[in-house]
Amino acid sequence: MSTPPNTEEFYAKLKVQLEETAAWPSEYLYKFIVKSDSKKIAKIEAIFDNMGAVININASKNGKYTSVSVNVRMKTPDAVIEKYKEVAEKIEGVISL
């Protein structure tokens, strides 16, 4: 598993965008893509468990990949970023959009 070299830079930019575009706490929509694997999808669901998240799961046309959208109320931009980091750390091969 490789980490893009500009990960921290990406999160720093995201934090600035989040601070400028929303009043916190706010609804936030996460989007992830994983290879279609029920264990990986379950791990994403577990990360957002007990948060009141609305989770939508859609398989790609050929069924090889699955998109997972998570709409959840987050308290701060830092909390949003922490969830992205948690998903990236716990789920190999996940793509965060």
PDB file of N, CA and C in Angstrom:
ATOM      1  N   MET A   1       0.851  -1.184   0.000  1.00  0.00           N
ATOM      2  CA  MET A   1       0.000   0.000   0.000  1.00  0.00           C
ATOM      3  C   MET A   1       0.885   1.232   0.000  1.00  0.00           C
ATOM      4  N   SER A   2       0.675   2.110  -0.941  1.00  0.00           N
ATOM      5  CA  SER A   2       1.505   3.312  -0.998  1.00  0.00           C
ATOM      6  C   SER A   2       0.671   4.537  -0.648  1.00  0.00           C
ATOM      7  N   THR A   3       1.334   5.502  -0.069  1.00  0.00           N
ATOM      8  CA  THR A   3       0.684   6.747   0.303  1.00  0.00           C
ATOM      9  C   THR A   3       1.161   7.823  -0.652  1.00  0.00           C
ATOM     10  N   PRO A   4       0.234   8.583  -1.250  1.00  0.00           N
ATOM     11  CA  PRO A   4       0.671   9.658  -2.136  1.00  0.00           C
ATOM     12  C   PRO A   4       1.570  10.633  -1.385  1.00  0.00           C
ATOM     13  N   PRO A   5       2.594  11.166  -2.055  1.00  0.00           N
ATOM     14  CA  PRO A   5       3.558  12.026  -1.369  1.00  0.00           C
ATOM     15  C   PRO A   5       2.964  13.320  -0.832  1.00  0.00           C
ATOM     16  N   ASN A   6       1.855  13.777  -1.382  1.00  0.00           N
ATOM     17  CA  ASN A   6       1.290  15.055  -0.978  1.00  0.00           C
ATOM     18  C   ASN A   6       0.056  14.899  -0.080  1.00  0.00           C
ATOM     19  N   THR A   7      -0.030  13.815   0.657  1.00  0.00           N
ATOM     20  CA  THR A   7      -1.206  13.547   1.473  1.00  0.00           C
ATOM     21  C   THR A   7      -1.451  14.650   2.495  1.00  0.00           C
ATOM     22  N   GLU A   8      -0.423  15.027   3.236  1.00  0.00           N
ATOM     23  CA  GLU A   8      -0.608  16.070   4.253  1.00  0.00           C
ATOM     24  C   GLU A   8      -0.971  17.403   3.613  1.00  0.00           C
ATOM     25  N   GLU A   9      -0.378  17.677   2.468  1.00  0.00           N
ATOM     26  CA  GLU A   9      -0.710  18.910   1.738  1.00  0.00           C
ATOM     27  C   GLU A   9      -2.176  18.876   1.306  1.00  0.00           C
ATOM     28  N   PHE A  10      -2.631  17.710   0.833  1.00  0.00           N
ATOM     29  CA  PHE A  10      -4.027  17.552   0.436  1.00  0.00           C
ATOM     30  C   PHE A  10      -4.955  17.842   1.608  1.00  0.00           C
ATOM     31  N   TYR A  11      -4.656  17.254   2.768  1.00  0.00           N
ATOM     32  CA  TYR A  11      -5.508  17.453   3.944  1.00  0.00           C
ATOM     33  C   TYR A  11      -5.486  18.901   4.422  1.00  0.00           C
ATOM     34  N   ALA A  12      -4.343  19.557   4.314  1.00  0.00           N
ATOM     35  CA  ALA A  12      -4.260  20.969   4.711  1.00  0.00           C
ATOM     36  C   ALA A  12      -5.147  21.830   3.815  1.00  0.00           C
ATOM     37  N   LYS A  13      -5.115  21.567   2.512  1.00  0.00           N
ATOM     38  CA  LYS A  13      -5.966  22.313   1.575  1.00  0.00           C
ATOM     39  C   LYS A  13      -7.439  22.016   1.828  1.00  0.00           C
ATOM     40  N   LEU A  14      -7.743  20.748   2.075  1.00  0.00           N
ATOM     41  CA  LEU A  14      -9.130  20.363   2.350  1.00  0.00           C
ATOM     42  C   LEU A  14      -9.642  21.085   3.587  1.00  0.00           C
ATOM     43  N   LYS A  15      -8.827  21.162   4.629  1.00  0.00           N
ATOM     44  CA  LYS A  15      -9.247  21.826   5.859  1.00  0.00           C
ATOM     45  C   LYS A  15      -9.591  23.288   5.597  1.00  0.00           C
ATOM     46  N   VAL A  16      -8.766  23.975   4.823  1.00  0.00           N
ATOM     47  CA  VAL A  16      -9.032  25.377   4.491  1.00  0.00           C
ATOM     48  C   VAL A  16     -10.345  25.492   3.721  1.00  0.00           C
ATOM     49  N   GLN A  17     -10.553  24.608   2.735  1.00  0.00           N
ATOM     50  CA  GLN A  17     -11.801  24.641   1.953  1.00  0.00           C
ATOM     51  C   GLN A  17     -13.013  24.405   2.852  1.00  0.00           C
ATOM     52  N   LEU A  18     -12.904  23.445   3.735  1.00  0.00           N
ATOM     53  CA  LEU A  18     -14.027  23.140   4.622  1.00  0.00           C
ATOM     54  C   LEU A  18     -14.334  24.310   5.556  1.00  0.00           C
ATOM     55  N   GLU A  19     -13.305  24.949   6.060  1.00  0.00           N
ATOM     56  CA  GLU A  19     -13.505  26.085   6.966  1.00  0.00           C
ATOM     57  C   GLU A  19     -14.161  27.262   6.252  1.00  0.00           C
ATOM     58  N   GLU A  20     -13.854  27.408   4.964  1.00  0.00           N
ATOM     59  CA  GLU A  20     -14.389  28.536   4.198  1.00  0.00           C
ATOM     60  C   GLU A  20     -15.793  28.295   3.670  1.00  0.00           C
ATOM     61  N   THR A  21     -16.168  27.032   3.461  1.00  0.00           N
ATOM     62  CA  THR A  21     -17.428  26.764   2.756  1.00  0.00           C
ATOM     63  C   THR A  21     -18.593  26.362   3.636  1.00  0.00           C
ATOM     64  N   ALA A  22     -18.349  26.097   4.905  1.00  0.00           N
ATOM     65  CA  ALA A  22     -19.467  25.625   5.730  1.00  0.00           C
ATOM     66  C   ALA A  22     -19.352  26.150   7.155  1.00  0.00           C
ATOM     67  N   ALA A  23     -20.516  26.305   7.782  1.00  0.00           N
ATOM     68  CA  ALA A  23     -20.561  26.620   9.208  1.00  0.00           C
ATOM     69  C   ALA A  23     -20.604  25.278   9.930  1.00  0.00           C
ATOM     70  N   TRP A  24     -19.808  25.116  10.940  1.00  0.00           N
ATOM     71  CA  TRP A  24     -19.703  23.822  11.624  1.00  0.00           C
ATOM     72  C   TRP A  24     -20.412  23.844  12.948  1.00  0.00           C
ATOM     73  N   PRO A  25     -21.062  22.760  13.358  1.00  0.00           N
ATOM     74  CA  PRO A  25     -21.166  21.454  12.703  1.00  0.00           C
ATOM     75  C   PRO A  25     -21.979  21.532  11.409  1.00  0.00           C
ATOM     76  N   SER A  26     -21.701  20.574  10.502  1.00  0.00           N
ATOM     77  CA  SER A  26     -22.328  20.594   9.191  1.00  0.00           C
ATOM     78  C   SER A  26     -22.450  19.176   8.638  1.00  0.00           C
ATOM     79  N   GLU A  27     -23.391  19.017   7.696  1.00  0.00           N
ATOM     80  CA  GLU A  27     -23.505  17.749   6.975  1.00  0.00           C
ATOM     81  C   GLU A  27     -22.310  17.648   6.031  1.00  0.00           C
ATOM     82  N   TYR A  28     -21.762  16.437   5.911  1.00  0.00           N
ATOM     83  CA  TYR A  28     -20.640  16.219   4.989  1.00  0.00           C
ATOM     84  C   TYR A  28     -20.877  14.916   4.247  1.00  0.00           C
ATOM     85  N   LEU A  29     -20.576  14.921   2.956  1.00  0.00           N
ATOM     86  CA  LEU A  29     -20.756  13.737   2.122  1.00  0.00           C
ATOM     87  C   LEU A  29     -19.392  13.162   1.757  1.00  0.00           C
ATOM     88  N   TYR A  30     -19.113  11.999   2.292  1.00  0.00           N
ATOM     89  CA  TYR A  30     -17.898  11.268   1.934  1.00  0.00           C
ATOM     90  C   TYR A  30     -18.230  10.358   0.762  1.00  0.00           C
ATOM     91  N   LYS A  31     -17.240  10.177  -0.130  1.00  0.00           N
ATOM     92  CA  LYS A  31     -17.413   9.217  -1.217  1.00  0.00           C
ATOM     93  C   LYS A  31     -16.149   8.378  -1.302  1.00  0.00           C
ATOM     94  N   PHE A  32     -16.357   7.070  -1.295  1.00  0.00           N
ATOM     95  CA  PHE A  32     -15.248   6.132  -1.369  1.00  0.00           C
ATOM     96  C   PHE A  32     -15.521   5.124  -2.473  1.00  0.00           C
ATOM     97  N   ILE A  33     -14.444   4.639  -3.083  1.00  0.00           N
ATOM     98  CA  ILE A  33     -14.563   3.564  -4.063  1.00  0.00           C
ATOM     99  C   ILE A  33     -13.625   2.449  -3.611  1.00  0.00           C
ATOM    100  N   VAL A  34     -14.154   1.225  -3.582  1.00  0.00           N
ATOM    101  CA  VAL A  34     -13.361   0.049  -3.222  1.00  0.00           C
ATOM    102  C   VAL A  34     -13.661  -1.067  -4.215  1.00  0.00           C
ATOM    103  N   LYS A  35     -12.719  -2.010  -4.323  1.00  0.00           N
ATOM    104  CA  LYS A  35     -13.031  -3.210  -5.088  1.00  0.00           C
ATOM    105  C   LYS A  35     -14.195  -3.877  -4.373  1.00  0.00           C
ATOM    106  N   SER A  36     -15.089  -4.451  -5.130  1.00  0.00           N
ATOM    107  CA  SER A  36     -16.288  -5.063  -4.546  1.00  0.00           C
ATOM    108  C   SER A  36     -15.878  -6.211  -3.628  1.00  0.00           C
ATOM    109  N   ASP A  37     -15.910  -5.912  -2.351  1.00  0.00           N
ATOM    110  CA  ASP A  37     -15.516  -6.862  -1.310  1.00  0.00           C
ATOM    111  C   ASP A  37     -16.364  -6.525  -0.087  1.00  0.00           C
ATOM    112  N   SER A  38     -17.228  -7.452   0.285  1.00  0.00           N
ATOM    113  CA  SER A  38     -18.162  -7.169   1.380  1.00  0.00           C
ATOM    114  C   SER A  38     -17.440  -6.819   2.680  1.00  0.00           C
ATOM    115  N   LYS A  39     -16.248  -7.377   2.904  1.00  0.00           N
ATOM    116  CA  LYS A  39     -15.499  -7.066   4.123  1.00  0.00           C
ATOM    117  C   LYS A  39     -15.040  -5.608   4.132  1.00  0.00           C
ATOM    118  N   LYS A  40     -14.579  -5.111   2.993  1.00  0.00           N
ATOM    119  CA  LYS A  40     -14.128  -3.710   2.909  1.00  0.00           C
ATOM    120  C   LYS A  40     -15.311  -2.753   3.095  1.00  0.00           C
ATOM    121  N   ILE A  41     -16.425  -3.086   2.485  1.00  0.00           N
ATOM    122  CA  ILE A  41     -17.621  -2.251   2.613  1.00  0.00           C
ATOM    123  C   ILE A  41     -18.087  -2.240   4.064  1.00  0.00           C
ATOM    124  N   ALA A  42     -18.061  -3.399   4.712  1.00  0.00           N
ATOM    125  CA  ALA A  42     -18.468  -3.490   6.115  1.00  0.00           C
ATOM    126  C   ALA A  42     -17.537  -2.670   7.012  1.00  0.00           C
ATOM    127  N   LYS A  43     -16.246  -2.640   6.678  1.00  0.00           N
ATOM    128  CA  LYS A  43     -15.301  -1.835   7.473  1.00  0.00           C
ATOM    129  C   LYS A  43     -15.636  -0.350   7.372  1.00  0.00           C
ATOM    130  N   ILE A  44     -15.978   0.116   6.170  1.00  0.00           N
ATOM    131  CA  ILE A  44     -16.363   1.525   6.005  1.00  0.00           C
ATOM    132  C   ILE A  44     -17.609   1.807   6.830  1.00  0.00           C
ATOM    133  N   GLU A  45     -18.594   0.927   6.737  1.00  0.00           N
ATOM    134  CA  GLU A  45     -19.825   1.107   7.515  1.00  0.00           C
ATOM    135  C   GLU A  45     -19.518   1.152   9.007  1.00  0.00           C
ATOM    136  N   ALA A  46     -18.618   0.303   9.463  1.00  0.00           N
ATOM    137  CA  ALA A  46     -18.279   0.247  10.889  1.00  0.00           C
ATOM    138  C   ALA A  46     -17.607   1.535  11.357  1.00  0.00           C
ATOM    139  N   ILE A  47     -16.800   2.135  10.503  1.00  0.00           N
ATOM    140  CA  ILE A  47     -16.116   3.383  10.869  1.00  0.00           C
ATOM    141  C   ILE A  47     -17.119   4.501  11.153  1.00  0.00           C
ATOM    142  N   PHE A  48     -18.238   4.473  10.445  1.00  0.00           N
ATOM    143  CA  PHE A  48     -19.257   5.520  10.616  1.00  0.00           C
ATOM    144  C   PHE A  48     -20.442   5.043  11.465  1.00  0.00           C
ATOM    145  N   ASP A  49     -20.293   3.886  12.107  1.00  0.00           N
ATOM    146  CA  ASP A  49     -21.359   3.332  12.935  1.00  0.00           C
ATOM    147  C   ASP A  49     -21.648   4.239  14.131  1.00  0.00           C
ATOM    148  N   ASN A  50     -22.892   4.294  14.527  1.00  0.00           N
ATOM    149  CA  ASN A  50     -23.342   5.083  15.691  1.00  0.00           C
ATOM    150  C   ASN A  50     -23.122   6.581  15.533  1.00  0.00           C
ATOM    151  N   MET A  51     -23.085   7.054  14.292  1.00  0.00           N
ATOM    152  CA  MET A  51     -22.930   8.490  14.049  1.00  0.00           C
ATOM    153  C   MET A  51     -24.160   9.078  13.367  1.00  0.00           C
ATOM    154  N   GLY A  52     -25.163   8.265  13.105  1.00  0.00           N
ATOM    155  CA  GLY A  52     -26.344   8.730  12.403  1.00  0.00           C
ATOM    156  C   GLY A  52     -26.115   8.905  10.916  1.00  0.00           C
ATOM    157  N   ALA A  53     -25.125   8.211  10.382  1.00  0.00           N
ATOM    158  CA  ALA A  53     -24.772   8.350   8.970  1.00  0.00           C
ATOM    159  C   ALA A  53     -25.794   7.655   8.076  1.00  0.00           C
ATOM    160  N   VAL A  54     -26.024   8.265   6.905  1.00  0.00           N
ATOM    161  CA  VAL A  54     -26.829   7.643   5.861  1.00  0.00           C
ATOM    162  C   VAL A  54     -25.838   7.128   4.826  1.00  0.00           C
ATOM    163  N   ILE A  55     -25.831   5.818   4.626  1.00  0.00           N
ATOM    164  CA  ILE A  55     -24.837   5.193   3.755  1.00  0.00           C
ATOM    165  C   ILE A  55     -25.532   4.590   2.542  1.00  0.00           C
ATOM    166  N   ASN A  56     -25.037   4.953   1.351  1.00  0.00           N
ATOM    167  CA  ASN A  56     -25.551   4.402   0.097  1.00  0.00           C
ATOM    168  C   ASN A  56     -24.437   3.624  -0.583  1.00  0.00           C
ATOM    169  N   ILE A  57     -24.752   2.440  -1.066  1.00  0.00           N
ATOM    170  CA  ILE A  57     -23.774   1.572  -1.696  1.00  0.00           C
ATOM    171  C   ILE A  57     -24.254   1.240  -3.104  1.00  0.00           C
ATOM    172  N   ASN A  58     -23.362   1.445  -4.082  1.00  0.00           N
ATOM    173  CA  ASN A  58     -23.705   1.165  -5.478  1.00  0.00           C
ATOM    174  C   ASN A  58     -22.561   0.418  -6.146  1.00  0.00           C
ATOM    175  N   ALA A  59     -22.881  -0.725  -6.747  1.00  0.00           N
ATOM    176  CA  ALA A  59     -21.877  -1.483  -7.491  1.00  0.00           C
ATOM    177  C   ALA A  59     -21.701  -0.873  -8.871  1.00  0.00           C
ATOM    178  N   SER A  60     -20.494  -0.966  -9.408  1.00  0.00           N
ATOM    179  CA  SER A  60     -20.248  -0.475 -10.769  1.00  0.00           C
ATOM    180  C   SER A  60     -20.983  -1.378 -11.760  1.00  0.00           C
ATOM    181  N   LYS A  61     -21.035  -0.955 -13.011  1.00  0.00           N
ATOM    182  CA  LYS A  61     -21.790  -1.686 -14.022  1.00  0.00           C
ATOM    183  C   LYS A  61     -21.325  -3.138 -14.143  1.00  0.00           C
ATOM    184  N   ASN A  62     -20.012  -3.354 -14.108  1.00  0.00           N
ATOM    185  CA  ASN A  62     -19.509  -4.723 -14.228  1.00  0.00           C
ATOM    186  C   ASN A  62     -19.341  -5.415 -12.876  1.00  0.00           C
ATOM    187  N   GLY A  63     -19.620  -4.701 -11.777  1.00  0.00           N
ATOM    188  CA  GLY A  63     -19.578  -5.294 -10.452  1.00  0.00           C
ATOM    189  C   GLY A  63     -18.205  -5.406  -9.829  1.00  0.00           C
ATOM    190  N   LYS A  64     -17.182  -4.901 -10.518  1.00  0.00           N
ATOM    191  CA  LYS A  64     -15.817  -5.022 -10.010  1.00  0.00           C
ATOM    192  C   LYS A  64     -15.548  -4.054  -8.855  1.00  0.00           C
ATOM    193  N   TYR A  65     -16.165  -2.870  -8.907  1.00  0.00           N
ATOM    194  CA  TYR A  65     -15.967  -1.843  -7.879  1.00  0.00           C
ATOM    195  C   TYR A  65     -17.298  -1.449  -7.252  1.00  0.00           C
ATOM    196  N   THR A  66     -17.207  -0.907  -6.057  1.00  0.00           N
ATOM    197  CA  THR A  66     -18.388  -0.434  -5.350  1.00  0.00           C
ATOM    198  C   THR A  66     -18.118   0.965  -4.821  1.00  0.00           C
ATOM    199  N   SER A  67     -19.094   1.864  -5.019  1.00  0.00           N
ATOM    200  CA  SER A  67     -18.978   3.195  -4.433  1.00  0.00           C
ATOM    201  C   SER A  67     -19.791   3.222  -3.145  1.00  0.00           C
ATOM    202  N   VAL A  68     -19.206   3.851  -2.140  1.00  0.00           N
ATOM    203  CA  VAL A  68     -19.862   3.973  -0.847  1.00  0.00           C
ATOM    204  C   VAL A  68     -19.952   5.458  -0.525  1.00  0.00           C
ATOM    205  N   SER A  69     -21.175   5.974  -0.442  1.00  0.00           N
ATOM    206  CA  SER A  69     -21.394   7.380  -0.088  1.00  0.00           C
ATOM    207  C   SER A  69     -21.906   7.433   1.341  1.00  0.00           C
ATOM    208  N   VAL A  70     -21.302   8.306   2.130  1.00  0.00           N
ATOM    209  CA  VAL A  70     -21.658   8.419   3.534  1.00  0.00           C
ATOM    210  C   VAL A  70     -22.012   9.867   3.830  1.00  0.00           C
ATOM    211  N   ASN A  71     -23.272  10.116   4.154  1.00  0.00           N
ATOM    212  CA  ASN A  71     -23.708  11.465   4.506  1.00  0.00           C
ATOM    213  C   ASN A  71     -23.872  11.501   6.018  1.00  0.00           C
ATOM    214  N   VAL A  72     -23.103  12.375   6.661  1.00  0.00           N
ATOM    215  CA  VAL A  72     -23.099  12.384   8.123  1.00  0.00           C
ATOM    216  C   VAL A  72     -22.839  13.799   8.635  1.00  0.00           C
ATOM    217  N   ARG A  73     -23.384  14.105   9.798  1.00  0.00           N
ATOM    218  CA  ARG A  73     -23.153  15.407  10.425  1.00  0.00           C
ATOM    219  C   ARG A  73     -21.832  15.350  11.181  1.00  0.00           C
ATOM    220  N   MET A  74     -20.911  16.237  10.814  1.00  0.00           N
ATOM    221  CA  MET A  74     -19.592  16.283  11.444  1.00  0.00           C
ATOM    222  C   MET A  74     -19.449  17.587  12.214  1.00  0.00           C
ATOM    223  N   LYS A  75     -18.685  17.542  13.304  1.00  0.00           N
ATOM    224  CA  LYS A  75     -18.555  18.709  14.180  1.00  0.00           C
ATOM    225  C   LYS A  75     -17.579  19.754  13.677  1.00  0.00           C
ATOM    226  N   THR A  76     -16.463  19.302  13.102  1.00  0.00           N
ATOM    227  CA  THR A  76     -15.411  20.243  12.673  1.00  0.00           C
ATOM    228  C   THR A  76     -14.722  19.733  11.418  1.00  0.00           C
ATOM    229  N   PRO A  77     -14.019  20.618  10.698  1.00  0.00           N
ATOM    230  CA  PRO A  77     -13.209  20.160   9.563  1.00  0.00           C
ATOM    231  C   PRO A  77     -12.165  19.125   9.987  1.00  0.00           C
ATOM    232  N   ASP A  78     -11.599  19.280  11.183  1.00  0.00           N
ATOM    233  CA  ASP A  78     -10.619  18.297  11.665  1.00  0.00           C
ATOM    234  C   ASP A  78     -11.248  16.920  11.816  1.00  0.00           C
ATOM    235  N   ALA A  79     -12.501  16.865  12.265  1.00  0.00           N
ATOM    236  CA  ALA A  79     -13.205  15.590  12.416  1.00  0.00           C
ATOM    237  C   ALA A  79     -13.421  14.930  11.054  1.00  0.00           C
ATOM    238  N   VAL A  80     -13.712  15.736  10.032  1.00  0.00           N
ATOM    239  CA  VAL A  80     -13.884  15.225   8.665  1.00  0.00           C
ATOM    240  C   VAL A  80     -12.581  14.567   8.211  1.00  0.00           C
ATOM    241  N   ILE A  81     -11.489  15.261   8.398  1.00  0.00           N
ATOM    242  CA  ILE A  81     -10.188  14.770   7.954  1.00  0.00           C
ATOM    243  C   ILE A  81      -9.781  13.517   8.732  1.00  0.00           C
ATOM    244  N   GLU A  82     -10.066  13.482  10.013  1.00  0.00           N
ATOM    245  CA  GLU A  82      -9.730  12.296  10.815  1.00  0.00           C
ATOM    246  C   GLU A  82     -10.438  11.051  10.282  1.00  0.00           C
ATOM    247  N   LYS A  83     -11.686  11.201   9.835  1.00  0.00           N
ATOM    248  CA  LYS A  83     -12.413  10.050   9.279  1.00  0.00           C
ATOM    249  C   LYS A  83     -11.783   9.602   7.961  1.00  0.00           C
ATOM    250  N   TYR A  84     -11.380  10.562   7.117  1.00  0.00           N
ATOM    251  CA  TYR A  84     -10.694  10.194   5.869  1.00  0.00           C
ATOM    252  C   TYR A  84      -9.435   9.393   6.189  1.00  0.00           C
ATOM    253  N   LYS A  85      -8.669   9.862   7.165  1.00  0.00           N
ATOM    254  CA  LYS A  85      -7.426   9.183   7.531  1.00  0.00           C
ATOM    255  C   LYS A  85      -7.705   7.793   8.087  1.00  0.00           C
ATOM    256  N   GLU A  86      -8.756   7.669   8.904  1.00  0.00           N
ATOM    257  CA  GLU A  86      -9.105   6.376   9.486  1.00  0.00           C
ATOM    258  C   GLU A  86      -9.478   5.374   8.398  1.00  0.00           C
ATOM    259  N   VAL A  87     -10.271   5.820   7.431  1.00  0.00           N
ATOM    260  CA  VAL A  87     -10.669   4.927   6.330  1.00  0.00           C
ATOM    261  C   VAL A  87      -9.437   4.508   5.531  1.00  0.00           C
ATOM    262  N   ALA A  88      -8.568   5.465   5.200  1.00  0.00           N
ATOM    263  CA  ALA A  88      -7.371   5.161   4.410  1.00  0.00           C
ATOM    264  C   ALA A  88      -6.448   4.190   5.149  1.00  0.00           C
ATOM    265  N   GLU A  89      -6.389   4.332   6.465  1.00  0.00           N
ATOM    266  CA  GLU A  89      -5.513   3.486   7.278  1.00  0.00           C
ATOM    267  C   GLU A  89      -6.047   2.058   7.415  1.00  0.00           C
ATOM    268  N   LYS A  90      -7.364   1.915   7.530  1.00  0.00           N
ATOM    269  CA  LYS A  90      -7.945   0.621   7.821  1.00  0.00           C
ATOM    270  C   LYS A  90      -8.363  -0.190   6.597  1.00  0.00           C
ATOM    271  N   ILE A  91      -8.489   0.458   5.426  1.00  0.00           N
ATOM    272  CA  ILE A  91      -9.007  -0.232   4.257  1.00  0.00           C
ATOM    273  C   ILE A  91      -8.023  -0.095   3.097  1.00  0.00           C
ATOM    274  N   GLU A  92      -7.391  -1.195   2.789  1.00  0.00           N
ATOM    275  CA  GLU A  92      -6.391  -1.199   1.726  1.00  0.00           C
ATOM    276  C   GLU A  92      -7.037  -0.966   0.372  1.00  0.00           C
ATOM    277  N   GLY A  93      -6.435  -0.090  -0.428  1.00  0.00           N
ATOM    278  CA  GLY A  93      -6.891   0.141  -1.788  1.00  0.00           C
ATOM    279  C   GLY A  93      -8.099   1.056  -1.926  1.00  0.00           C
ATOM    280  N   VAL A  94      -8.551   1.667  -0.847  1.00  0.00           N
ATOM    281  CA  VAL A  94      -9.710   2.556  -0.930  1.00  0.00           C
ATOM    282  C   VAL A  94      -9.326   3.839  -1.660  1.00  0.00           C
ATOM    283  N   ILE A  95     -10.246   4.345  -2.447  1.00  0.00           N
ATOM    284  CA  ILE A  95     -10.064   5.637  -3.121  1.00  0.00           C
ATOM    285  C   ILE A  95     -11.070   6.592  -2.495  1.00  0.00           C
ATOM    286  N   SER A  96     -10.564   7.706  -1.995  1.00  0.00           N
ATOM    287  CA  SER A  96     -11.424   8.724  -1.393  1.00  0.00           C
ATOM    288  C   SER A  96     -11.637   9.845  -2.404  1.00  0.00           C
ATOM    289  N   LEU A  97     -12.891  10.233  -2.583  1.00  0.00           N
ATOM    290  CA  LEU A  97     -13.199  11.314  -3.525  1.00  0.00           C
ATOM    291  C   LEU A  97     -13.651  12.539  -2.774  1.00  0.00           C
TER     292      LEU A  97
END
